[in-house]
């Protein structure tokens, strides 16, 4: 197996791409969460907290295998998205505490990529 090292240019490009997609990731996560909540309601649960009970039912107790699979896939996708957002958020906090201009760098990145409404 080759030892792959990333060039600084590639790391910068990937980081910028990830930050550029942060707002979209948050929006999609919120939309996906609402879709899961609506599906759970349709499946008989009145609250999202019932999802674990609904997903643990035996298939013969369950009316629609496709809906169950769709909910499971959405939950997995939400979990992945949350992990990515958490990594970005932790990195931003770490940057903010950097001794030399950390807060300034944080503010630049935050207002450019993270803030809900981008500056124009």
PDB file of N, CA and C in Angstrom:
ATOM      1  N   UNK A   1       0.833  -1.181   0.000  1.00  0.00           N
ATOM      2  CA  UNK A   1       0.000   0.000   0.000  1.00  0.00           C
ATOM      3  C   UNK A   1       0.878   1.244   0.000  1.00  0.00           C
ATOM      4  N   UNK A   2       0.566   2.177  -0.851  1.00  0.00           N
ATOM      5  CA  UNK A   2       1.345   3.398  -0.947  1.00  0.00           C
ATOM      6  C   UNK A   2       1.075   4.305   0.240  1.00  0.00           C
ATOM      7  N   UNK A   3       2.112   4.991   0.654  1.00  0.00           N
ATOM      8  CA  UNK A   3       1.960   5.983   1.708  1.00  0.00           C
ATOM      9  C   UNK A   3       1.504   7.282   1.054  1.00  0.00           C
ATOM     10  N   UNK A   4       0.266   7.614   1.239  1.00  0.00           N
ATOM     11  CA  UNK A   4      -0.292   8.814   0.613  1.00  0.00           C
ATOM     12  C   UNK A   4      -0.147   9.997   1.560  1.00  0.00           C
ATOM     13  N   UNK A   5       0.487  11.035   1.064  1.00  0.00           N
ATOM     14  CA  UNK A   5       0.569  12.277   1.823  1.00  0.00           C
ATOM     15  C   UNK A   5      -0.158  13.350   1.035  1.00  0.00           C
ATOM     16  N   UNK A   6      -0.851  14.159   1.758  1.00  0.00           N
ATOM     17  CA  UNK A   6      -1.600  15.239   1.120  1.00  0.00           C
ATOM     18  C   UNK A   6      -0.732  16.484   1.063  1.00  0.00           C
ATOM     19  N   UNK A   7      -0.745  17.100  -0.077  1.00  0.00           N
ATOM     20  CA  UNK A   7      -0.004  18.351  -0.218  1.00  0.00           C
ATOM     21  C   UNK A   7      -0.773  19.451   0.508  1.00  0.00           C
ATOM     22  N   UNK A   8      -0.063  20.470   0.953  1.00  0.00           N
ATOM     23  CA  UNK A   8      -0.756  21.592   1.609  1.00  0.00           C
ATOM     24  C   UNK A   8      -1.834  22.211   0.716  1.00  0.00           C
ATOM     25  N   UNK A   9      -1.587  22.240  -0.585  1.00  0.00           N
ATOM     26  CA  UNK A   9      -2.573  22.791  -1.515  1.00  0.00           C
ATOM     27  C   UNK A   9      -3.840  21.952  -1.506  1.00  0.00           C
ATOM     28  N   UNK A  10      -3.675  20.640  -1.502  1.00  0.00           N
ATOM     29  CA  UNK A  10      -4.828  19.730  -1.488  1.00  0.00           C
ATOM     30  C   UNK A  10      -5.602  19.849  -0.170  1.00  0.00           C
ATOM     31  N   UNK A  11      -4.896  19.926   0.935  1.00  0.00           N
ATOM     32  CA  UNK A  11      -5.539  20.078   2.245  1.00  0.00           C
ATOM     33  C   UNK A  11      -6.337  21.380   2.287  1.00  0.00           C
ATOM     34  N   UNK A  12      -5.734  22.462   1.806  1.00  0.00           N
ATOM     35  CA  UNK A  12      -6.419  23.749   1.774  1.00  0.00           C
ATOM     36  C   UNK A  12      -7.685  23.658   0.925  1.00  0.00           C
ATOM     37  N   UNK A  13      -7.559  23.059  -0.262  1.00  0.00           N
ATOM     38  CA  UNK A  13      -8.704  22.916  -1.164  1.00  0.00           C
ATOM     39  C   UNK A  13      -9.826  22.122  -0.490  1.00  0.00           C
ATOM     40  N   UNK A  14      -9.492  20.995   0.127  1.00  0.00           N
ATOM     41  CA  UNK A  14     -10.501  20.152   0.776  1.00  0.00           C
ATOM     42  C   UNK A  14     -11.155  20.865   1.952  1.00  0.00           C
ATOM     43  N   UNK A  15     -10.363  21.596   2.712  1.00  0.00           N
ATOM     44  CA  UNK A  15     -10.906  22.339   3.857  1.00  0.00           C
ATOM     45  C   UNK A  15     -11.861  23.427   3.387  1.00  0.00           C
ATOM     46  N   UNK A  16     -11.449  24.152   2.359  1.00  0.00           N
ATOM     47  CA  UNK A  16     -12.309  25.209   1.834  1.00  0.00           C
ATOM     48  C   UNK A  16     -13.610  24.619   1.284  1.00  0.00           C
ATOM     49  N   UNK A  17     -13.528  23.506   0.594  1.00  0.00           N
ATOM     50  CA  UNK A  17     -14.713  22.843   0.052  1.00  0.00           C
ATOM     51  C   UNK A  17     -15.656  22.413   1.178  1.00  0.00           C
ATOM     52  N   UNK A  18     -15.105  21.869   2.237  1.00  0.00           N
ATOM     53  CA  UNK A  18     -15.923  21.460   3.380  1.00  0.00           C
ATOM     54  C   UNK A  18     -16.606  22.664   4.019  1.00  0.00           C
ATOM     55  N   UNK A  19     -15.866  23.735   4.214  1.00  0.00           N
ATOM     56  CA  UNK A  19     -16.456  24.931   4.812  1.00  0.00           C
ATOM     57  C   UNK A  19     -17.507  25.564   3.907  1.00  0.00           C
ATOM     58  N   UNK A  20     -17.266  25.548   2.599  1.00  0.00           N
ATOM     59  CA  UNK A  20     -18.240  26.110   1.668  1.00  0.00           C
ATOM     60  C   UNK A  20     -19.563  25.352   1.703  1.00  0.00           C
ATOM     61  N   UNK A  21     -19.525  24.087   2.077  1.00  0.00           N
ATOM     62  CA  UNK A  21     -20.734  23.270   2.110  1.00  0.00           C
ATOM     63  C   UNK A  21     -21.378  23.195   3.487  1.00  0.00           C
ATOM     64  N   UNK A  22     -20.816  23.863   4.470  1.00  0.00           N
ATOM     65  CA  UNK A  22     -21.315  23.805   5.843  1.00  0.00           C
ATOM     66  C   UNK A  22     -22.776  24.245   5.939  1.00  0.00           C
ATOM     67  N   UNK A  23     -23.095  25.416   5.380  1.00  0.00           N
ATOM     68  CA  UNK A  23     -24.471  25.921   5.456  1.00  0.00           C
ATOM     69  C   UNK A  23     -25.458  24.951   4.809  1.00  0.00           C
ATOM     70  N   UNK A  24     -25.081  24.406   3.646  1.00  0.00           N
ATOM     71  CA  UNK A  24     -25.950  23.446   2.960  1.00  0.00           C
ATOM     72  C   UNK A  24     -26.140  22.180   3.791  1.00  0.00           C
ATOM     73  N   UNK A  25     -25.089  21.742   4.449  1.00  0.00           N
ATOM     74  CA  UNK A  25     -25.172  20.551   5.291  1.00  0.00           C
ATOM     75  C   UNK A  25     -26.143  20.779   6.446  1.00  0.00           C
ATOM     76  N   UNK A  26     -26.072  21.932   7.070  1.00  0.00           N
ATOM     77  CA  UNK A  26     -26.990  22.256   8.164  1.00  0.00           C
ATOM     78  C   UNK A  26     -28.421  22.296   7.639  1.00  0.00           C
ATOM     79  N   UNK A  27     -28.643  22.957   6.507  1.00  0.00           N
ATOM     80  CA  UNK A  27     -29.987  23.056   5.939  1.00  0.00           C
ATOM     81  C   UNK A  27     -30.528  21.675   5.595  1.00  0.00           C
ATOM     82  N   UNK A  28     -29.730  20.847   4.937  1.00  0.00           N
ATOM     83  CA  UNK A  28     -30.185  19.498   4.568  1.00  0.00           C
ATOM     84  C   UNK A  28     -30.477  18.657   5.793  1.00  0.00           C
ATOM     85  N   UNK A  29     -29.678  18.810   6.831  1.00  0.00           N
ATOM     86  CA  UNK A  29     -29.913  18.061   8.061  1.00  0.00           C
ATOM     87  C   UNK A  29     -31.247  18.442   8.685  1.00  0.00           C
ATOM     88  N   UNK A  30     -31.534  19.740   8.707  1.00  0.00           N
ATOM     89  CA  UNK A  30     -32.813  20.192   9.259  1.00  0.00           C
ATOM     90  C   UNK A  30     -33.976  19.660   8.431  1.00  0.00           C
ATOM     91  N   UNK A  31     -33.838  19.704   7.111  1.00  0.00           N
ATOM     92  CA  UNK A  31     -34.881  19.181   6.224  1.00  0.00           C
ATOM     93  C   UNK A  31     -35.062  17.679   6.430  1.00  0.00           C
ATOM     94  N   UNK A  32     -33.974  16.962   6.510  1.00  0.00           N
ATOM     95  CA  UNK A  32     -34.038  15.517   6.687  1.00  0.00           C
ATOM     96  C   UNK A  32     -34.679  15.161   8.021  1.00  0.00           C
ATOM     97  N   UNK A  33     -34.346  15.926   9.064  1.00  0.00           N
ATOM     98  CA  UNK A  33     -34.940  15.693  10.377  1.00  0.00           C
ATOM     99  C   UNK A  33     -36.453  15.875  10.315  1.00  0.00           C
ATOM    100  N   UNK A  34     -36.899  16.922   9.631  1.00  0.00           N
ATOM    101  CA  UNK A  34     -38.339  17.153   9.488  1.00  0.00           C
ATOM    102  C   UNK A  34     -38.998  16.016   8.713  1.00  0.00           C
ATOM    103  N   UNK A  35     -38.332  15.510   7.682  1.00  0.00           N
ATOM    104  CA  UNK A  35     -38.869  14.381   6.920  1.00  0.00           C
ATOM    105  C   UNK A  35     -38.998  13.139   7.782  1.00  0.00           C
ATOM    106  N   UNK A  36     -38.003  12.862   8.598  1.00  0.00           N
ATOM    107  CA  UNK A  36     -38.065  11.709   9.503  1.00  0.00           C
ATOM    108  C   UNK A  36     -39.209  11.890  10.484  1.00  0.00           C
ATOM    109  N   UNK A  37     -39.314  13.075  11.032  1.00  0.00           N
ATOM    110  CA  UNK A  37     -40.386  13.359  11.986  1.00  0.00           C
ATOM    111  C   UNK A  37     -41.763  13.158  11.339  1.00  0.00           C
ATOM    112  N   UNK A  38     -41.939  13.617  10.110  1.00  0.00           N
ATOM    113  CA  UNK A  38     -43.205  13.446   9.406  1.00  0.00           C
ATOM    114  C   UNK A  38     -43.485  11.973   9.119  1.00  0.00           C
ATOM    115  N   UNK A  39     -42.451  11.227   8.752  1.00  0.00           N
ATOM    116  CA  UNK A  39     -42.624   9.800   8.480  1.00  0.00           C
ATOM    117  C   UNK A  39     -43.022   9.057   9.739  1.00  0.00           C
ATOM    118  N   UNK A  40     -42.371   9.383  10.845  1.00  0.00           N
ATOM    119  CA  UNK A  40     -42.712   8.735  12.118  1.00  0.00           C
ATOM    120  C   UNK A  40     -44.156   9.040  12.488  1.00  0.00           C
ATOM    121  N   UNK A  41     -44.577  10.265  12.300  1.00  0.00           N
ATOM    122  CA  UNK A  41     -45.957  10.637  12.592  1.00  0.00           C
ATOM    123  C   UNK A  41     -46.907   9.818  11.720  1.00  0.00           C
ATOM    124  N   UNK A  42     -46.580   9.701  10.427  1.00  0.00           N
ATOM    125  CA  UNK A  42     -47.406   8.932   9.492  1.00  0.00           C
ATOM    126  C   UNK A  42     -47.465   7.462   9.904  1.00  0.00           C
ATOM    127  N   UNK A  43     -46.347   6.946  10.441  1.00  0.00           N
ATOM    128  CA  UNK A  43     -46.283   5.529  10.816  1.00  0.00           C
ATOM    129  C   UNK A  43     -47.001   5.250  12.137  1.00  0.00           C
ATOM    130  N   UNK A  44     -47.522   6.245  12.768  1.00  0.00           N
ATOM    131  CA  UNK A  44     -48.296   6.003  13.978  1.00  0.00           C
ATOM    132  C   UNK A  44     -47.704   6.617  15.222  1.00  0.00           C
ATOM    133  N   UNK A  45     -46.489   7.095  15.132  1.00  0.00           N
ATOM    134  CA  UNK A  45     -45.878   7.745  16.280  1.00  0.00           C
ATOM    135  C   UNK A  45     -46.301   9.189  16.324  1.00  0.00           C
ATOM    136  N   UNK A  46     -46.612   9.681  17.478  1.00  0.00           N
ATOM    137  CA  UNK A  46     -47.024  11.077  17.595  1.00  0.00           C
ATOM    138  C   UNK A  46     -45.834  11.981  17.902  1.00  0.00           C
ATOM    139  N   UNK A  47     -44.730  11.381  18.324  1.00  0.00           N
ATOM    140  CA  UNK A  47     -43.537  12.145  18.655  1.00  0.00           C
ATOM    141  C   UNK A  47     -42.324  11.410  18.118  1.00  0.00           C
ATOM    142  N   UNK A  48     -41.299  12.152  17.823  1.00  0.00           N
ATOM    143  CA  UNK A  48     -40.079  11.553  17.309  1.00  0.00           C
ATOM    144  C   UNK A  48     -39.474  10.568  18.308  1.00  0.00           C
ATOM    145  N   UNK A  49     -39.747  10.754  19.586  1.00  0.00           N
ATOM    146  CA  UNK A  49     -39.201   9.848  20.593  1.00  0.00           C
ATOM    147  C   UNK A  49     -39.729   8.421  20.426  1.00  0.00           C
ATOM    148  N   UNK A  50     -40.826   8.248  19.685  1.00  0.00           N
ATOM    149  CA  UNK A  50     -41.369   6.914  19.441  1.00  0.00           C
ATOM    150  C   UNK A  50     -40.628   6.174  18.329  1.00  0.00           C
ATOM    151  N   UNK A  51     -39.676   6.827  17.702  1.00  0.00           N
ATOM    152  CA  UNK A  51     -39.023   6.212  16.552  1.00  0.00           C
ATOM    153  C   UNK A  51     -38.298   4.925  16.931  1.00  0.00           C
ATOM    154  N   UNK A  52     -37.694   4.875  18.094  1.00  0.00           N
ATOM    155  CA  UNK A  52     -36.972   3.668  18.490  1.00  0.00           C
ATOM    156  C   UNK A  52     -37.927   2.491  18.663  1.00  0.00           C
ATOM    157  N   UNK A  53     -39.099   2.765  19.218  1.00  0.00           N
ATOM    158  CA  UNK A  53     -40.101   1.708  19.342  1.00  0.00           C
ATOM    159  C   UNK A  53     -40.547   1.247  17.966  1.00  0.00           C
ATOM    160  N   UNK A  54     -40.786   2.175  17.069  1.00  0.00           N
ATOM    161  CA  UNK A  54     -41.249   1.829  15.724  1.00  0.00           C
ATOM    162  C   UNK A  54     -40.182   1.057  14.941  1.00  0.00           C
ATOM    163  N   UNK A  55     -38.929   1.463  15.070  1.00  0.00           N
ATOM    164  CA  UNK A  55     -37.867   0.789  14.330  1.00  0.00           C
ATOM    165  C   UNK A  55     -37.523  -0.572  14.910  1.00  0.00           C
ATOM    166  N   UNK A  56     -37.871  -0.819  16.166  1.00  0.00           N
ATOM    167  CA  UNK A  56     -37.562  -2.108  16.770  1.00  0.00           C
ATOM    168  C   UNK A  56     -38.674  -3.138  16.587  1.00  0.00           C
ATOM    169  N   UNK A  57     -39.785  -2.759  15.983  1.00  0.00           N
ATOM    170  CA  UNK A  57     -40.881  -3.694  15.731  1.00  0.00           C
ATOM    171  C   UNK A  57     -40.438  -4.791  14.768  1.00  0.00           C
ATOM    172  N   UNK A  58     -41.013  -5.946  14.942  1.00  0.00           N
ATOM    173  CA  UNK A  58     -40.781  -7.017  13.981  1.00  0.00           C
ATOM    174  C   UNK A  58     -41.419  -6.612  12.657  1.00  0.00           C
ATOM    175  N   UNK A  59     -40.858  -7.075  11.554  1.00  0.00           N
ATOM    176  CA  UNK A  59     -41.365  -6.678  10.244  1.00  0.00           C
ATOM    177  C   UNK A  59     -42.816  -7.079  10.025  1.00  0.00           C
ATOM    178  N   UNK A  60     -43.248  -8.216  10.588  1.00  0.00           N
ATOM    179  CA  UNK A  60     -44.638  -8.617  10.382  1.00  0.00           C
ATOM    180  C   UNK A  60     -45.607  -7.712  11.149  1.00  0.00           C
ATOM    181  N   UNK A  61     -45.103  -7.004  12.152  1.00  0.00           N
ATOM    182  CA  UNK A  61     -45.937  -6.041  12.867  1.00  0.00           C
ATOM    183  C   UNK A  61     -45.989  -4.711  12.135  1.00  0.00           C
ATOM    184  N   UNK A  62     -45.134  -4.558  11.186  1.00  0.00           N
ATOM    185  CA  UNK A  62     -44.937  -3.271  10.537  1.00  0.00           C
ATOM    186  C   UNK A  62     -45.610  -3.261   9.184  1.00  0.00           C
ATOM    187  N   UNK A  63     -46.340  -2.213   8.893  1.00  0.00           N
ATOM    188  CA  UNK A  63     -47.104  -2.145   7.650  1.00  0.00           C
ATOM    189  C   UNK A  63     -46.241  -1.957   6.411  1.00  0.00           C
ATOM    190  N   UNK A  64     -45.204  -1.190   6.524  1.00  0.00           N
ATOM    191  CA  UNK A  64     -44.505  -0.788   5.327  1.00  0.00           C
ATOM    192  C   UNK A  64     -42.990  -0.872   5.516  1.00  0.00           C
ATOM    193  N   UNK A  65     -42.396  -1.942   5.005  1.00  0.00           N
ATOM    194  CA  UNK A  65     -40.957  -2.157   5.146  1.00  0.00           C
ATOM    195  C   UNK A  65     -40.180  -1.024   4.482  1.00  0.00           C
ATOM    196  N   UNK A  66     -40.677  -0.526   3.356  1.00  0.00           N
ATOM    197  CA  UNK A  66     -39.989   0.538   2.643  1.00  0.00           C
ATOM    198  C   UNK A  66     -39.879   1.799   3.506  1.00  0.00           C
ATOM    199  N   UNK A  67     -40.943   2.152   4.202  1.00  0.00           N
ATOM    200  CA  UNK A  67     -40.910   3.337   5.062  1.00  0.00           C
ATOM    201  C   UNK A  67     -39.906   3.157   6.185  1.00  0.00           C
ATOM    202  N   UNK A  68     -39.869   1.961   6.745  1.00  0.00           N
ATOM    203  CA  UNK A  68     -38.924   1.690   7.831  1.00  0.00           C
ATOM    204  C   UNK A  68     -37.496   1.839   7.327  1.00  0.00           C
ATOM    205  N   UNK A  69     -37.212   1.273   6.170  1.00  0.00           N
ATOM    206  CA  UNK A  69     -35.867   1.379   5.592  1.00  0.00           C
ATOM    207  C   UNK A  69     -35.529   2.826   5.299  1.00  0.00           C
ATOM    208  N   UNK A  70     -36.486   3.570   4.774  1.00  0.00           N
ATOM    209  CA  UNK A  70     -36.256   4.981   4.461  1.00  0.00           C
ATOM    210  C   UNK A  70     -35.924   5.772   5.728  1.00  0.00           C
ATOM    211  N   UNK A  71     -36.642   5.502   6.811  1.00  0.00           N
ATOM    212  CA  UNK A  71     -36.382   6.192   8.075  1.00  0.00           C
ATOM    213  C   UNK A  71     -34.994   5.827   8.587  1.00  0.00           C
ATOM    214  N   UNK A  72     -34.641   4.544   8.523  1.00  0.00           N
ATOM    215  CA  UNK A  72     -33.319   4.115   8.982  1.00  0.00           C
ATOM    216  C   UNK A  72     -32.216   4.790   8.167  1.00  0.00           C
ATOM    217  N   UNK A  73     -32.404   4.874   6.862  1.00  0.00           N
ATOM    218  CA  UNK A  73     -31.406   5.520   6.001  1.00  0.00           C
ATOM    219  C   UNK A  73     -31.289   7.002   6.314  1.00  0.00           C
ATOM    220  N   UNK A  74     -32.406   7.648   6.540  1.00  0.00           N
ATOM    221  CA  UNK A  74     -32.376   9.077   6.876  1.00  0.00           C
ATOM    222  C   UNK A  74     -31.676   9.304   8.216  1.00  0.00           C
ATOM    223  N   UNK A  75     -31.954   8.435   9.179  1.00  0.00           N
ATOM    224  CA  UNK A  75     -31.304   8.572  10.481  1.00  0.00           C
ATOM    225  C   UNK A  75     -29.797   8.373  10.368  1.00  0.00           C
ATOM    226  N   UNK A  76     -29.376   7.410   9.566  1.00  0.00           N
ATOM    227  CA  UNK A  76     -27.955   7.180   9.354  1.00  0.00           C
ATOM    228  C   UNK A  76     -27.319   8.405   8.695  1.00  0.00           C
ATOM    229  N   UNK A  77     -27.995   8.961   7.707  1.00  0.00           N
ATOM    230  CA  UNK A  77     -27.500  10.156   7.026  1.00  0.00           C
ATOM    231  C   UNK A  77     -27.404  11.337   7.994  1.00  0.00           C
ATOM    232  N   UNK A  78     -28.414  11.481   8.847  1.00  0.00           N
ATOM    233  CA  UNK A  78     -28.387  12.542   9.849  1.00  0.00           C
ATOM    234  C   UNK A  78     -27.215  12.365  10.805  1.00  0.00           C
ATOM    235  N   UNK A  79     -26.951  11.122  11.187  1.00  0.00           N
ATOM    236  CA  UNK A  79     -25.836  10.842  12.084  1.00  0.00           C
ATOM    237  C   UNK A  79     -24.508  11.217  11.424  1.00  0.00           C
ATOM    238  N   UNK A  80     -24.339  10.860  10.170  1.00  0.00           N
ATOM    239  CA  UNK A  80     -23.117  11.223   9.446  1.00  0.00           C
ATOM    240  C   UNK A  80     -22.965  12.739   9.354  1.00  0.00           C
ATOM    241  N   UNK A  81     -24.046  13.415   9.033  1.00  0.00           N
ATOM    242  CA  UNK A  81     -24.009  14.871   8.922  1.00  0.00           C
ATOM    243  C   UNK A  81     -23.650  15.507  10.256  1.00  0.00           C
ATOM    244  N   UNK A  82     -24.219  14.987  11.330  1.00  0.00           N
ATOM    245  CA  UNK A  82     -23.929  15.523  12.657  1.00  0.00           C
ATOM    246  C   UNK A  82     -22.456  15.349  12.992  1.00  0.00           C
ATOM    247  N   UNK A  83     -21.875  14.214  12.636  1.00  0.00           N
ATOM    248  CA  UNK A  83     -20.454  13.995  12.894  1.00  0.00           C
ATOM    249  C   UNK A  83     -19.591  15.016  12.159  1.00  0.00           C
ATOM    250  N   UNK A  84     -19.927  15.301  10.911  1.00  0.00           N
ATOM    251  CA  UNK A  84     -19.173  16.277  10.129  1.00  0.00           C
ATOM    252  C   UNK A  84     -19.308  17.668  10.748  1.00  0.00           C
ATOM    253  N   UNK A  85     -20.525  18.052  11.094  1.00  0.00           N
ATOM    254  CA  UNK A  85     -20.756  19.360  11.712  1.00  0.00           C
ATOM    255  C   UNK A  85     -20.004  19.462  13.036  1.00  0.00           C
ATOM    256  N   UNK A  86     -20.021  18.401  13.833  1.00  0.00           N
ATOM    257  CA  UNK A  86     -19.314  18.407  15.115  1.00  0.00           C
ATOM    258  C   UNK A  86     -17.809  18.601  14.931  1.00  0.00           C
ATOM    259  N   UNK A  87     -17.241  17.943  13.920  1.00  0.00           N
ATOM    260  CA  UNK A  87     -15.803  18.085  13.660  1.00  0.00           C
ATOM    261  C   UNK A  87     -15.482  19.529  13.272  1.00  0.00           C
ATOM    262  N   UNK A  88     -16.299  20.106  12.401  1.00  0.00           N
ATOM    263  CA  UNK A  88     -16.077  21.497  11.989  1.00  0.00           C
ATOM    264  C   UNK A  88     -16.216  22.428  13.185  1.00  0.00           C
ATOM    265  N   UNK A  89     -17.258  22.237  13.985  1.00  0.00           N
ATOM    266  CA  UNK A  89     -17.481  23.102  15.145  1.00  0.00           C
ATOM    267  C   UNK A  89     -16.325  23.007  16.144  1.00  0.00           C
ATOM    268  N   UNK A  90     -15.838  21.803  16.403  1.00  0.00           N
ATOM    269  CA  UNK A  90     -14.708  21.629  17.324  1.00  0.00           C
ATOM    270  C   UNK A  90     -13.443  22.278  16.773  1.00  0.00           C
ATOM    271  N   UNK A  91     -13.211  22.128  15.472  1.00  0.00           N
ATOM    272  CA  UNK A  91     -12.037  22.748  14.857  1.00  0.00           C
ATOM    273  C   UNK A  91     -12.121  24.273  14.942  1.00  0.00           C
ATOM    274  N   UNK A  92     -13.318  24.801  14.750  1.00  0.00           N
ATOM    275  CA  UNK A  92     -13.493  26.256  14.831  1.00  0.00           C
ATOM    276  C   UNK A  92     -13.212  26.747  16.252  1.00  0.00           C
ATOM    277  N   UNK A  93     -13.685  26.026  17.256  1.00  0.00           N
ATOM    278  CA  UNK A  93     -13.425  26.421  18.644  1.00  0.00           C
ATOM    279  C   UNK A  93     -11.936  26.325  18.977  1.00  0.00           C
ATOM    280  N   UNK A  94     -11.301  25.293  18.453  1.00  0.00           N
ATOM    281  CA  UNK A  94      -9.860  25.141  18.663  1.00  0.00           C
ATOM    282  C   UNK A  94      -9.117  26.309  18.025  1.00  0.00           C
ATOM    283  N   UNK A  95      -9.508  26.671  16.821  1.00  0.00           N
ATOM    284  CA  UNK A  95      -8.889  27.807  16.134  1.00  0.00           C
ATOM    285  C   UNK A  95      -9.078  29.085  16.943  1.00  0.00           C
ATOM    286  N   UNK A  96     -10.261  29.268  17.492  1.00  0.00           N
ATOM    287  CA  UNK A  96     -10.557  30.486  18.259  1.00  0.00           C
ATOM    288  C   UNK A  96      -9.615  30.638  19.452  1.00  0.00           C
ATOM    289  N   UNK A  97      -9.204  29.525  20.038  1.00  0.00           N
ATOM    290  CA  UNK A  97      -8.330  29.590  21.208  1.00  0.00           C
ATOM    291  C   UNK A  97      -6.841  29.642  20.840  1.00  0.00           C
ATOM    292  N   UNK A  98      -6.531  29.630  19.555  1.00  0.00           N
ATOM    293  CA  UNK A  98      -5.139  29.708  19.117  1.00  0.00           C
ATOM    294  C   UNK A  98      -4.546  31.029  19.597  1.00  0.00           C
ATOM    295  N   UNK A  99      -3.352  31.007  20.199  1.00  0.00           N
ATOM    296  CA  UNK A  99      -2.818  32.207  20.844  1.00  0.00           C
ATOM    297  C   UNK A  99      -2.540  33.388  19.913  1.00  0.00           C
ATOM    298  N   UNK A 100      -2.133  33.132  18.685  1.00  0.00           N
ATOM    299  CA  UNK A 100      -1.799  34.227  17.786  1.00  0.00           C
ATOM    300  C   UNK A 100      -2.926  34.457  16.788  1.00  0.00           C
ATOM    301  N   UNK A 101      -3.716  35.475  17.020  1.00  0.00           N
ATOM    302  CA  UNK A 101      -4.813  35.878  16.132  1.00  0.00           C
ATOM    303  C   UNK A 101      -5.909  34.820  15.975  1.00  0.00           C
ATOM    304  N   UNK A 102      -6.020  33.913  16.908  1.00  0.00           N
ATOM    305  CA  UNK A 102      -7.025  32.856  16.814  1.00  0.00           C
ATOM    306  C   UNK A 102      -8.438  33.394  16.706  1.00  0.00           C
ATOM    307  N   UNK A 103      -8.765  34.369  17.533  1.00  0.00           N
ATOM    308  CA  UNK A 103     -10.118  34.934  17.485  1.00  0.00           C
ATOM    309  C   UNK A 103     -10.376  35.647  16.163  1.00  0.00           C
ATOM    310  N   UNK A 104      -9.368  36.318  15.651  1.00  0.00           N
ATOM    311  CA  UNK A 104      -9.517  37.013  14.369  1.00  0.00           C
ATOM    312  C   UNK A 104      -9.749  35.997  13.243  1.00  0.00           C
ATOM    313  N   UNK A 105      -8.960  34.928  13.208  1.00  0.00           N
ATOM    314  CA  UNK A 105      -9.131  33.882  12.187  1.00  0.00           C
ATOM    315  C   UNK A 105     -10.504  33.227  12.309  1.00  0.00           C
ATOM    316  N   UNK A 106     -10.898  32.992  13.565  1.00  0.00           N
ATOM    317  CA  UNK A 106     -12.218  32.406  13.814  1.00  0.00           C
ATOM    318  C   UNK A 106     -13.305  33.295  13.221  1.00  0.00           C
ATOM    319  N   UNK A 107     -13.264  34.594  13.506  1.00  0.00           N
ATOM    320  CA  UNK A 107     -14.286  35.520  13.020  1.00  0.00           C
ATOM    321  C   UNK A 107     -14.317  35.567  11.492  1.00  0.00           C
ATOM    322  N   UNK A 108     -13.139  35.549  10.872  1.00  0.00           N
ATOM    323  CA  UNK A 108     -13.082  35.572   9.407  1.00  0.00           C
ATOM    324  C   UNK A 108     -13.754  34.329   8.834  1.00  0.00           C
ATOM    325  N   UNK A 109     -13.377  33.163   9.343  1.00  0.00           N
ATOM    326  CA  UNK A 109     -13.966  31.926   8.830  1.00  0.00           C
ATOM    327  C   UNK A 109     -15.445  31.818   9.172  1.00  0.00           C
ATOM    328  N   UNK A 110     -15.793  32.235  10.392  1.00  0.00           N
ATOM    329  CA  UNK A 110     -17.185  32.140  10.816  1.00  0.00           C
ATOM    330  C   UNK A 110     -18.089  32.997   9.940  1.00  0.00           C
ATOM    331  N   UNK A 111     -17.696  34.248   9.730  1.00  0.00           N
ATOM    332  CA  UNK A 111     -18.557  35.132   8.935  1.00  0.00           C
ATOM    333  C   UNK A 111     -18.549  34.755   7.458  1.00  0.00           C
ATOM    334  N   UNK A 112     -17.471  34.143   6.994  1.00  0.00           N
ATOM    335  CA  UNK A 112     -17.389  33.750   5.590  1.00  0.00           C
ATOM    336  C   UNK A 112     -18.135  32.454   5.302  1.00  0.00           C
ATOM    337  N   UNK A 113     -18.027  31.474   6.191  1.00  0.00           N
ATOM    338  CA  UNK A 113     -18.541  30.144   5.877  1.00  0.00           C
ATOM    339  C   UNK A 113     -19.650  29.617   6.796  1.00  0.00           C
ATOM    340  N   UNK A 114     -19.647  29.996   8.055  1.00  0.00           N
ATOM    341  CA  UNK A 114     -20.516  29.341   9.039  1.00  0.00           C
ATOM    342  C   UNK A 114     -21.823  30.096   9.274  1.00  0.00           C
ATOM    343  N   UNK A 115     -21.740  31.400   9.384  1.00  0.00           N
ATOM    344  CA  UNK A 115     -22.922  32.208   9.661  1.00  0.00           C
ATOM    345  C   UNK A 115     -24.060  31.864   8.705  1.00  0.00           C
ATOM    346  N   UNK A 116     -25.271  31.841   9.223  1.00  0.00           N
ATOM    347  CA  UNK A 116     -26.420  31.431   8.408  1.00  0.00           C
ATOM    348  C   UNK A 116     -26.578  32.275   7.151  1.00  0.00           C
ATOM    349  N   UNK A 117     -26.420  33.557   7.272  1.00  0.00           N
ATOM    350  CA  UNK A 117     -26.514  34.459   6.123  1.00  0.00           C
ATOM    351  C   UNK A 117     -25.110  34.912   5.753  1.00  0.00           C
ATOM    352  N   UNK A 118     -24.628  34.515   4.585  1.00  0.00           N
ATOM    353  CA  UNK A 118     -23.267  34.923   4.194  1.00  0.00           C
ATOM    354  C   UNK A 118     -23.176  36.412   3.937  1.00  0.00           C
ATOM    355  N   UNK A 119     -22.003  36.938   4.196  1.00  0.00           N
ATOM    356  CA  UNK A 119     -21.748  38.349   3.892  1.00  0.00           C
ATOM    357  C   UNK A 119     -21.462  38.477   2.407  1.00  0.00           C
ATOM    358  N   UNK A 120     -21.962  39.534   1.816  1.00  0.00           N
ATOM    359  CA  UNK A 120     -21.699  39.754   0.384  1.00  0.00           C
ATOM    360  C   UNK A 120     -20.862  40.969   0.199  1.00  0.00           C
TER     361      UNK A 120
END
